[in-house]
PDB file of N, CA and C in Angstrom:
ATOM      1  N   MET A   1      -1.460  25.809 -11.293  1.00  0.00           N
ATOM      2  CA  MET A   1      -2.736  25.147 -11.090  1.00  0.00           C
ATOM      3  C   MET A   1      -3.256  24.648 -12.430  1.00  0.00           C
ATOM      4  N   ASN A   2      -3.851  23.457 -12.416  1.00  0.00           N
ATOM      5  CA  ASN A   2      -4.407  22.884 -13.631  1.00  0.00           C
ATOM      6  C   ASN A   2      -5.775  23.483 -13.939  1.00  0.00           C
ATOM      7  N   ALA A   3      -6.247  23.186 -15.139  1.00  0.00           N
ATOM      8  CA  ALA A   3      -7.565  23.661 -15.558  1.00  0.00           C
ATOM      9  C   ALA A   3      -8.644  23.045 -14.667  1.00  0.00           C
ATOM     10  N   PRO A   4      -9.794  23.702 -14.556  1.00  0.00           N
ATOM     11  CA  PRO A   4     -10.879  23.155 -13.741  1.00  0.00           C
ATOM     12  C   PRO A   4     -11.330  21.787 -14.254  1.00  0.00           C
ATOM     13  N   VAL A   5     -11.865  21.008 -13.355  1.00  0.00           N
ATOM     14  CA  VAL A   5     -12.391  19.692 -13.695  1.00  0.00           C
ATOM     15  C   VAL A   5     -13.791  19.875 -14.271  1.00  0.00           C
ATOM     16  N   GLN A   6     -14.082  19.133 -15.328  1.00  0.00           N
ATOM     17  CA  GLN A   6     -15.415  19.188 -15.924  1.00  0.00           C
ATOM     18  C   GLN A   6     -16.073  17.825 -15.792  1.00  0.00           C
ATOM     19  N   ILE A   7     -17.332  17.831 -15.432  1.00  0.00           N
ATOM     20  CA  ILE A   7     -18.108  16.604 -15.350  1.00  0.00           C
ATOM     21  C   ILE A   7     -18.920  16.528 -16.644  1.00  0.00           C
ATOM     22  N   ARG A   8     -18.613  15.544 -17.460  1.00  0.00           N
ATOM     23  CA  ARG A   8     -19.261  15.440 -18.764  1.00  0.00           C
ATOM     24  C   ARG A   8     -20.538  14.602 -18.743  1.00  0.00           C
ATOM     25  N   LYS A   9     -20.741  13.830 -17.702  1.00  0.00           N
ATOM     26  CA  LYS A   9     -21.962  13.028 -17.609  1.00  0.00           C
ATOM     27  C   LYS A   9     -23.005  13.844 -16.848  1.00  0.00           C
ATOM     28  N   PRO A  10     -24.082  14.222 -17.523  1.00  0.00           N
ATOM     29  CA  PRO A  10     -25.102  15.060 -16.868  1.00  0.00           C
ATOM     30  C   PRO A  10     -25.679  14.427 -15.604  1.00  0.00           C
ATOM     31  N   GLU A  11     -25.853  13.104 -15.606  1.00  0.00           N
ATOM     32  CA  GLU A  11     -26.443  12.463 -14.425  1.00  0.00           C
ATOM     33  C   GLU A  11     -25.502  12.553 -13.218  1.00  0.00           C
ATOM     34  N   VAL A  12     -24.204  12.506 -13.456  1.00  0.00           N
ATOM     35  CA  VAL A  12     -23.240  12.635 -12.362  1.00  0.00           C
ATOM     36  C   VAL A  12     -23.237  14.070 -11.842  1.00  0.00           C
ATOM     37  N   ALA A  13     -23.247  15.020 -12.742  1.00  0.00           N
ATOM     38  CA  ALA A  13     -23.274  16.429 -12.335  1.00  0.00           C
ATOM     39  C   ALA A  13     -24.538  16.722 -11.531  1.00  0.00           C
ATOM     40  N   GLU A  14     -25.662  16.169 -11.958  1.00  0.00           N
ATOM     41  CA  GLU A  14     -26.926  16.394 -11.239  1.00  0.00           C
ATOM     42  C   GLU A  14     -26.881  15.754  -9.857  1.00  0.00           C
ATOM     43  N   ARG A  15     -26.320  14.569  -9.770  1.00  0.00           N
ATOM     44  CA  ARG A  15     -26.203  13.910  -8.460  1.00  0.00           C
ATOM     45  C   ARG A  15     -25.312  14.721  -7.530  1.00  0.00           C
ATOM     46  N   LEU A  16     -24.220  15.271  -8.059  1.00  0.00           N
ATOM     47  CA  LEU A  16     -23.343  16.121  -7.248  1.00  0.00           C
ATOM     48  C   LEU A  16     -24.105  17.355  -6.759  1.00  0.00           C
ATOM     49  N   ARG A  17     -24.833  17.988  -7.654  1.00  0.00           N
ATOM     50  CA  ARG A  17     -25.609  19.168  -7.251  1.00  0.00           C
ATOM     51  C   ARG A  17     -26.609  18.810  -6.145  1.00  0.00           C
ATOM     52  N   GLU A  18     -27.292  17.673  -6.311  1.00  0.00           N
ATOM     53  CA  GLU A  18     -28.295  17.261  -5.327  1.00  0.00           C
ATOM     54  C   GLU A  18     -27.649  16.940  -3.979  1.00  0.00           C
ATOM     55  N   LEU A  19     -26.540  16.218  -4.010  1.00  0.00           N
ATOM     56  CA  LEU A  19     -25.832  15.923  -2.746  1.00  0.00           C
ATOM     57  C   LEU A  19     -25.351  17.199  -2.069  1.00  0.00           C
ATOM     58  N   ALA A  20     -24.779  18.109  -2.863  1.00  0.00           N
ATOM     59  CA  ALA A  20     -24.305  19.374  -2.295  1.00  0.00           C
ATOM     60  C   ALA A  20     -25.467  20.139  -1.665  1.00  0.00           C
ATOM     61  N   ARG A  21     -26.617  20.161  -2.342  1.00  0.00           N
ATOM     62  CA  ARG A  21     -27.793  20.855  -1.809  1.00  0.00           C
ATOM     63  C   ARG A  21     -28.252  20.205  -0.510  1.00  0.00           C
ATOM     64  N   LEU A  22     -28.331  18.862  -0.495  1.00  0.00           N
ATOM     65  CA  LEU A  22     -28.790  18.153   0.697  1.00  0.00           C
ATOM     66  C   LEU A  22     -27.858  18.366   1.889  1.00  0.00           C
ATOM     67  N   GLU A  23     -26.574  18.462   1.622  1.00  0.00           N
ATOM     68  CA  GLU A  23     -25.607  18.643   2.707  1.00  0.00           C
ATOM     69  C   GLU A  23     -25.318  20.105   2.998  1.00  0.00           C
ATOM     70  N   GLY A  24     -25.882  20.992   2.207  1.00  0.00           N
ATOM     71  CA  GLY A  24     -25.668  22.425   2.434  1.00  0.00           C
ATOM     72  C   GLY A  24     -24.238  22.853   2.150  1.00  0.00           C
ATOM     73  N   LYS A  25     -23.633  22.241   1.152  1.00  0.00           N
ATOM     74  CA  LYS A  25     -22.252  22.548   0.811  1.00  0.00           C
ATOM     75  C   LYS A  25     -22.168  22.952  -0.650  1.00  0.00           C
ATOM     76  N   SER A  26     -21.055  23.588  -0.980  1.00  0.00           N
ATOM     77  CA  SER A  26     -20.806  23.855  -2.393  1.00  0.00           C
ATOM     78  C   SER A  26     -20.348  22.554  -3.045  1.00  0.00           C
ATOM     79  N   ILE A  27     -20.459  22.496  -4.362  1.00  0.00           N
ATOM     80  CA  ILE A  27     -20.006  21.296  -5.072  1.00  0.00           C
ATOM     81  C   ILE A  27     -18.509  21.089  -4.833  1.00  0.00           C
ATOM     82  N   THR A  28     -17.761  22.160  -4.837  1.00  0.00           N
ATOM     83  CA  THR A  28     -16.317  22.058  -4.605  1.00  0.00           C
ATOM     84  C   THR A  28     -16.019  21.469  -3.237  1.00  0.00           C
ATOM     85  N   ASP A  29     -16.714  21.976  -2.196  1.00  0.00           N
ATOM     86  CA  ASP A  29     -16.489  21.452  -0.844  1.00  0.00           C
ATOM     87  C   ASP A  29     -16.905  19.986  -0.746  1.00  0.00           C
ATOM     88  N   LEU A  30     -18.016  19.641  -1.387  1.00  0.00           N
ATOM     89  CA  LEU A  30     -18.478  18.251  -1.379  1.00  0.00           C
ATOM     90  C   LEU A  30     -17.463  17.332  -2.039  1.00  0.00           C
ATOM     91  N   VAL A  31     -16.987  17.729  -3.211  1.00  0.00           N
ATOM     92  CA  VAL A  31     -16.012  16.902  -3.933  1.00  0.00           C
ATOM     93  C   VAL A  31     -14.712  16.801  -3.138  1.00  0.00           C
ATOM     94  N   GLU A  32     -14.278  17.909  -2.548  1.00  0.00           N
ATOM     95  CA  GLU A  32     -13.053  17.890  -1.736  1.00  0.00           C
ATOM     96  C   GLU A  32     -13.190  16.895  -0.583  1.00  0.00           C
ATOM     97  N   GLU A  33     -14.331  16.918   0.094  1.00  0.00           N
ATOM     98  CA  GLU A  33     -14.563  15.989   1.203  1.00  0.00           C
ATOM     99  C   GLU A  33     -14.582  14.543   0.713  1.00  0.00           C
ATOM    100  N   MET A  34     -15.257  14.306  -0.403  1.00  0.00           N
ATOM    101  CA  MET A  34     -15.341  12.949  -0.944  1.00  0.00           C
ATOM    102  C   MET A  34     -13.955  12.427  -1.339  1.00  0.00           C
ATOM    103  N   VAL A  35     -13.157  13.274  -1.954  1.00  0.00           N
ATOM    104  CA  VAL A  35     -11.810  12.873  -2.368  1.00  0.00           C
ATOM    105  C   VAL A  35     -10.946  12.586  -1.143  1.00  0.00           C
ATOM    106  N   ARG A  36     -11.044  13.443  -0.137  1.00  0.00           N
ATOM    107  CA  ARG A  36     -10.253  13.252   1.086  1.00  0.00           C
ATOM    108  C   ARG A  36     -10.639  11.932   1.766  1.00  0.00           C
ATOM    109  N   GLU A  37     -11.940  11.675   1.881  1.00  0.00           N
ATOM    110  CA  GLU A  37     -12.393  10.430   2.516  1.00  0.00           C
ATOM    111  C   GLU A  37     -11.920   9.213   1.726  1.00  0.00           C
ATOM    112  N   ARG A  38     -12.015   9.272   0.415  1.00  0.00           N
ATOM    113  CA  ARG A  38     -11.587   8.143  -0.434  1.00  0.00           C
ATOM    114  C   ARG A  38     -10.085   7.927  -0.286  1.00  0.00           C
ATOM    115  N   ASP A  39      -9.336   9.021  -0.289  1.00  0.00           N
ATOM    116  CA  ASP A  39      -7.886   8.923  -0.133  1.00  0.00           C
ATOM    117  C   ASP A  39      -7.529   8.302   1.210  1.00  0.00           C
ATOM    118  N   GLU A  40      -8.194   8.718   2.272  1.00  0.00           N
ATOM    119  CA  GLU A  40      -7.930   8.161   3.604  1.00  0.00           C
ATOM    120  C   GLU A  40      -8.222   6.665   3.642  1.00  0.00           C
ATOM    121  N   ARG A  41      -9.322   6.239   3.000  1.00  0.00           N
ATOM    122  CA  ARG A  41      -9.660   4.810   2.956  1.00  0.00           C
ATOM    123  C   ARG A  41      -8.605   4.020   2.193  1.00  0.00           C
ATOM    124  N   LEU A  42      -8.158   4.566   1.053  1.00  0.00           N
ATOM    125  CA  LEU A  42      -7.150   3.866   0.257  1.00  0.00           C
ATOM    126  C   LEU A  42      -5.818   3.759   0.994  1.00  0.00           C
ATOM    127  N   VAL A  43      -5.430   4.829   1.670  1.00  0.00           N
ATOM    128  CA  VAL A  43      -4.180   4.813   2.430  1.00  0.00           C
ATOM    129  C   VAL A  43      -4.289   3.807   3.576  1.00  0.00           C
ATOM    130  N   ALA A  44      -5.418   3.813   4.277  1.00  0.00           N
ATOM    131  CA  ALA A  44      -5.612   2.868   5.389  1.00  0.00           C
ATOM    132  C   ALA A  44      -5.585   1.427   4.883  1.00  0.00           C
ATOM    133  N   ARG A  45      -6.226   1.172   3.741  1.00  0.00           N
ATOM    134  CA  ARG A  45      -6.234  -0.183   3.181  1.00  0.00           C
ATOM    135  C   ARG A  45      -4.819  -0.608   2.795  1.00  0.00           C
ATOM    136  N   ARG A  46      -4.083   0.296   2.173  1.00  0.00           N
ATOM    137  CA  ARG A  46      -2.702  -0.023   1.766  1.00  0.00           C
ATOM    138  C   ARG A  46      -1.831  -0.288   2.995  1.00  0.00           C
ATOM    139  N   GLU A  47      -1.977   0.510   4.033  1.00  0.00           N
ATOM    140  CA  GLU A  47      -1.196   0.298   5.258  1.00  0.00           C
ATOM    141  C   GLU A  47      -1.546  -1.040   5.894  1.00  0.00           C
ATOM    142  N   ALA A  48      -2.825  -1.411   5.874  1.00  0.00           N
ATOM    143  CA  ALA A  48      -3.236  -2.701   6.425  1.00  0.00           C
ATOM    144  C   ALA A  48      -2.640  -3.850   5.615  1.00  0.00           C
ATOM    145  N   GLU A  49      -2.598  -3.705   4.291  1.00  0.00           N
ATOM    146  CA  GLU A  49      -1.990  -4.735   3.444  1.00  0.00           C
ATOM    147  C   GLU A  49      -0.505  -4.886   3.753  1.00  0.00           C
ATOM    148  N   ILE A  50       0.180  -3.771   3.927  1.00  0.00           N
ATOM    149  CA  ILE A  50       1.610  -3.800   4.240  1.00  0.00           C
ATOM    150  C   ILE A  50       1.830  -4.473   5.592  1.00  0.00           C
ATOM    151  N   GLU A  51       1.013  -4.117   6.587  1.00  0.00           N
ATOM    152  CA  GLU A  51       1.148  -4.729   7.914  1.00  0.00           C
ATOM    153  C   GLU A  51       0.909  -6.233   7.856  1.00  0.00           C
ATOM    154  N   ALA A  52      -0.075  -6.655   7.066  1.00  0.00           N
ATOM    155  CA  ALA A  52      -0.360  -8.086   6.937  1.00  0.00           C
ATOM    156  C   ALA A  52       0.810  -8.814   6.279  1.00  0.00           C
ATOM    157  N   LYS A  53       1.394  -8.203   5.266  1.00  0.00           N
ATOM    158  CA  LYS A  53       2.546  -8.822   4.597  1.00  0.00           C
ATOM    159  C   LYS A  53       3.752  -8.890   5.529  1.00  0.00           C
ATOM    160  N   LEU A  54       3.980  -7.833   6.290  1.00  0.00           N
ATOM    161  CA  LEU A  54       5.091  -7.848   7.245  1.00  0.00           C
ATOM    162  C   LEU A  54       4.879  -8.914   8.306  1.00  0.00           C
ATOM    163  N   ALA A  55       3.649  -9.069   8.769  1.00  0.00           N
ATOM    164  CA  ALA A  55       3.354 -10.100   9.770  1.00  0.00           C
ATOM    165  C   ALA A  55       3.613 -11.488   9.183  1.00  0.00           C
ATOM    166  N   ALA A  56       3.240 -11.687   7.917  1.00  0.00           N
ATOM    167  CA  ALA A  56       3.480 -12.978   7.275  1.00  0.00           C
ATOM    168  C   ALA A  56       4.976 -13.244   7.139  1.00  0.00           C
ATOM    169  N   VAL A  57       5.745 -12.229   6.784  1.00  0.00           N
ATOM    170  CA  VAL A  57       7.192 -12.386   6.672  1.00  0.00           C
ATOM    171  C   VAL A  57       7.796 -12.705   8.031  1.00  0.00           C
ATOM    172  N   GLU A  58       7.350 -12.008   9.060  1.00  0.00           N
ATOM    173  CA  GLU A  58       7.869 -12.264  10.407  1.00  0.00           C
ATOM    174  C   GLU A  58       7.544 -13.689  10.849  1.00  0.00           C
ATOM    175  N   GLU A  59       6.371 -14.180  10.475  1.00  0.00           N
ATOM    176  CA  GLU A  59       5.995 -15.552  10.814  1.00  0.00           C
ATOM    177  C   GLU A  59       6.902 -16.556  10.092  1.00  0.00           C
ATOM    178  N   ILE A  60       7.184 -16.296   8.837  1.00  0.00           N
ATOM    179  CA  ILE A  60       8.070 -17.179   8.072  1.00  0.00           C
ATOM    180  C   ILE A  60       9.476 -17.167   8.663  1.00  0.00           C
ATOM    181  N   VAL A  61       9.973 -15.987   8.998  1.00  0.00           N
ATOM    182  CA  VAL A  61      11.313 -15.873   9.587  1.00  0.00           C
ATOM    183  C   VAL A  61      11.359 -16.595  10.930  1.00  0.00           C
ATOM    184  N   ALA A  62      10.325 -16.430  11.733  1.00  0.00           N
ATOM    185  CA  ALA A  62      10.294 -17.110  13.036  1.00  0.00           C
ATOM    186  C   ALA A  62      10.297 -18.626  12.840  1.00  0.00           C
ATOM    187  N   HIS A  63       9.541 -19.109  11.862  1.00  0.00           N
ATOM    188  CA  HIS A  63       9.536 -20.547  11.583  1.00  0.00           C
ATOM    189  C   HIS A  63      10.919 -21.009  11.125  1.00  0.00           C
ATOM    190  N   PHE A  64      11.520 -20.259  10.220  1.00  0.00           N
ATOM    191  CA  PHE A  64      12.856 -20.607   9.732  1.00  0.00           C
ATOM    192  C   PHE A  64      13.856 -20.643  10.883  1.00  0.00           C
ATOM    193  N   ASN A  65      13.797 -19.634  11.754  1.00  0.00           N
ATOM    194  CA  ASN A  65      14.731 -19.574  12.878  1.00  0.00           C
ATOM    195  C   ASN A  65      14.501 -20.698  13.886  1.00  0.00           C
ATOM    196  N   SER A  66      13.290 -21.269  13.891  1.00  0.00           N
ATOM    197  CA  SER A  66      13.006 -22.353  14.828  1.00  0.00           C
ATOM    198  C   SER A  66      13.495 -23.713  14.321  1.00  0.00           C
ATOM    199  N   LEU A  67      13.869 -23.780  13.067  1.00  0.00           N
ATOM    200  CA  LEU A  67      14.329 -25.053  12.506  1.00  0.00           C
ATOM    201  C   LEU A  67      15.702 -25.420  13.058  1.00  0.00           C
ATOM    202  N   PRO A  68      15.961 -26.696  13.217  1.00  0.00           N
ATOM    203  CA  PRO A  68      17.273 -27.102  13.744  1.00  0.00           C
ATOM    204  C   PRO A  68      18.371 -26.891  12.699  1.00  0.00           C
ATOM    205  N   ILE A  69      19.587 -26.656  13.196  1.00  0.00           N
ATOM    206  CA  ILE A  69      20.748 -26.528  12.317  1.00  0.00           C
ATOM    207  C   ILE A  69      21.263 -27.938  12.066  1.00  0.00           C
ATOM    208  N   VAL A  70      21.322 -28.310  10.783  1.00  0.00           N
ATOM    209  CA  VAL A  70      21.766 -29.654  10.411  1.00  0.00           C
ATOM    210  C   VAL A  70      23.133 -29.527   9.738  1.00  0.00           C
ATOM    211  N   GLY A  71      24.107 -30.154  10.298  1.00  0.00           N
ATOM    212  CA  GLY A  71      25.451 -30.128   9.715  1.00  0.00           C
ATOM    213  C   GLY A  71      26.218 -28.886  10.137  1.00  0.00           C
ATOM    214  N   PRO A  72      27.462 -28.800   9.679  1.00  0.00           N
ATOM    215  CA  PRO A  72      28.302 -27.652  10.060  1.00  0.00           C
ATOM    216  C   PRO A  72      27.868 -26.387   9.317  1.00  0.00           C
ATOM    217  N   LEU A  73      28.100 -25.250   9.942  1.00  0.00           N
ATOM    218  CA  LEU A  73      27.837 -23.976   9.283  1.00  0.00           C
ATOM    219  C   LEU A  73      28.924 -23.729   8.253  1.00  0.00           C
ATOM    220  N   LEU A  74      28.545 -23.308   7.065  1.00  0.00           N
ATOM    221  CA  LEU A  74      29.508 -23.072   5.995  1.00  0.00           C
ATOM    222  C   LEU A  74      30.061 -21.658   6.099  1.00  0.00           C
ATOM    223  N   THR A  75      31.301 -21.482   5.660  1.00  0.00           N
ATOM    224  CA  THR A  75      31.953 -20.177   5.654  1.00  0.00           C
ATOM    225  C   THR A  75      32.347 -19.842   4.215  1.00  0.00           C
ATOM    226  N   ASP A  76      32.901 -18.669   4.022  1.00  0.00           N
ATOM    227  CA  ASP A  76      33.374 -18.277   2.688  1.00  0.00           C
ATOM    228  C   ASP A  76      34.431 -19.244   2.169  1.00  0.00           C
ATOM    229  N   ASP A  77      35.237 -19.797   3.079  1.00  0.00           N
ATOM    230  CA  ASP A  77      36.287 -20.731   2.660  1.00  0.00           C
ATOM    231  C   ASP A  77      35.700 -21.988   2.011  1.00  0.00           C
ATOM    232  N   ASP A  78      34.463 -22.313   2.334  1.00  0.00           N
ATOM    233  CA  ASP A  78      33.830 -23.476   1.737  1.00  0.00           C
ATOM    234  C   ASP A  78      33.396 -23.210   0.297  1.00  0.00           C
ATOM    235  N   PHE A  79      33.221 -21.961  -0.054  1.00  0.00           N
ATOM    236  CA  PHE A  79      32.729 -21.603  -1.386  1.00  0.00           C
ATOM    237  C   PHE A  79      33.772 -20.991  -2.301  1.00  0.00           C
ATOM    238  N   TYR A  80      34.819 -20.359  -1.712  1.00  0.00           N
ATOM    239  CA  TYR A  80      35.797 -19.623  -2.515  1.00  0.00           C
ATOM    240  C   TYR A  80      37.209 -20.096  -2.203  1.00  0.00           C
ATOM    241  N   ASP A  81      38.056 -20.037  -3.245  1.00  0.00           N
ATOM    242  CA  ASP A  81      39.451 -20.429  -3.026  1.00  0.00           C
ATOM    243  C   ASP A  81      40.242 -19.259  -2.454  1.00  0.00           C
ATOM    244  N   GLU A  82      41.574 -19.439  -2.336  1.00  0.00           N
ATOM    245  CA  GLU A  82      42.409 -18.401  -1.725  1.00  0.00           C
ATOM    246  C   GLU A  82      42.468 -17.108  -2.549  1.00  0.00           C
ATOM    247  N   ASP A  83      42.091 -17.177  -3.846  1.00  0.00           N
ATOM    248  CA  ASP A  83      42.073 -15.975  -4.688  1.00  0.00           C
ATOM    249  C   ASP A  83      40.680 -15.330  -4.751  1.00  0.00           C
ATOM    250  N   GLY A  84      39.750 -15.880  -3.999  1.00  0.00           N
ATOM    251  CA  GLY A  84      38.408 -15.320  -3.994  1.00  0.00           C
ATOM    252  C   GLY A  84      37.531 -15.807  -5.129  1.00  0.00           C
ATOM    253  N   LEU A  85      37.992 -16.814  -5.838  1.00  0.00           N
ATOM    254  CA  LEU A  85      37.200 -17.362  -6.943  1.00  0.00           C
ATOM    255  C   LEU A  85      36.348 -18.531  -6.451  1.00  0.00           C
ATOM    256  N   PRO A  86      35.186 -18.730  -7.076  1.00  0.00           N
ATOM    257  CA  PRO A  86      34.350 -19.854  -6.652  1.00  0.00           C
ATOM    258  C   PRO A  86      35.071 -21.170  -6.842  1.00  0.00           C
ATOM    259  N   LYS A  87      34.854 -22.087  -5.914  1.00  0.00           N
ATOM    260  CA  LYS A  87      35.485 -23.399  -6.024  1.00  0.00           C
ATOM    261  C   LYS A  87      34.763 -24.234  -7.037  1.00  0.00           C
TER     262      LYS A  87
END
């Protein structure tokens, strides 16, 4: 376990004490709840960003797949010689 956390700004420490008093909680319980809530918000935001990016990629892939095929499909033989070297 690491050393205890110290709040060096008196106004922040006082605000924590006041919030803990108003909510009827210890400072430790208050901070634990605040950290948990913040972590949950950050995780939810990150998951939403990932979902949005995946949706954008899926949209791009769907658009690409909807494009017509122009010309013959190329194979490895079109790019490499019989020894596997680039043409």
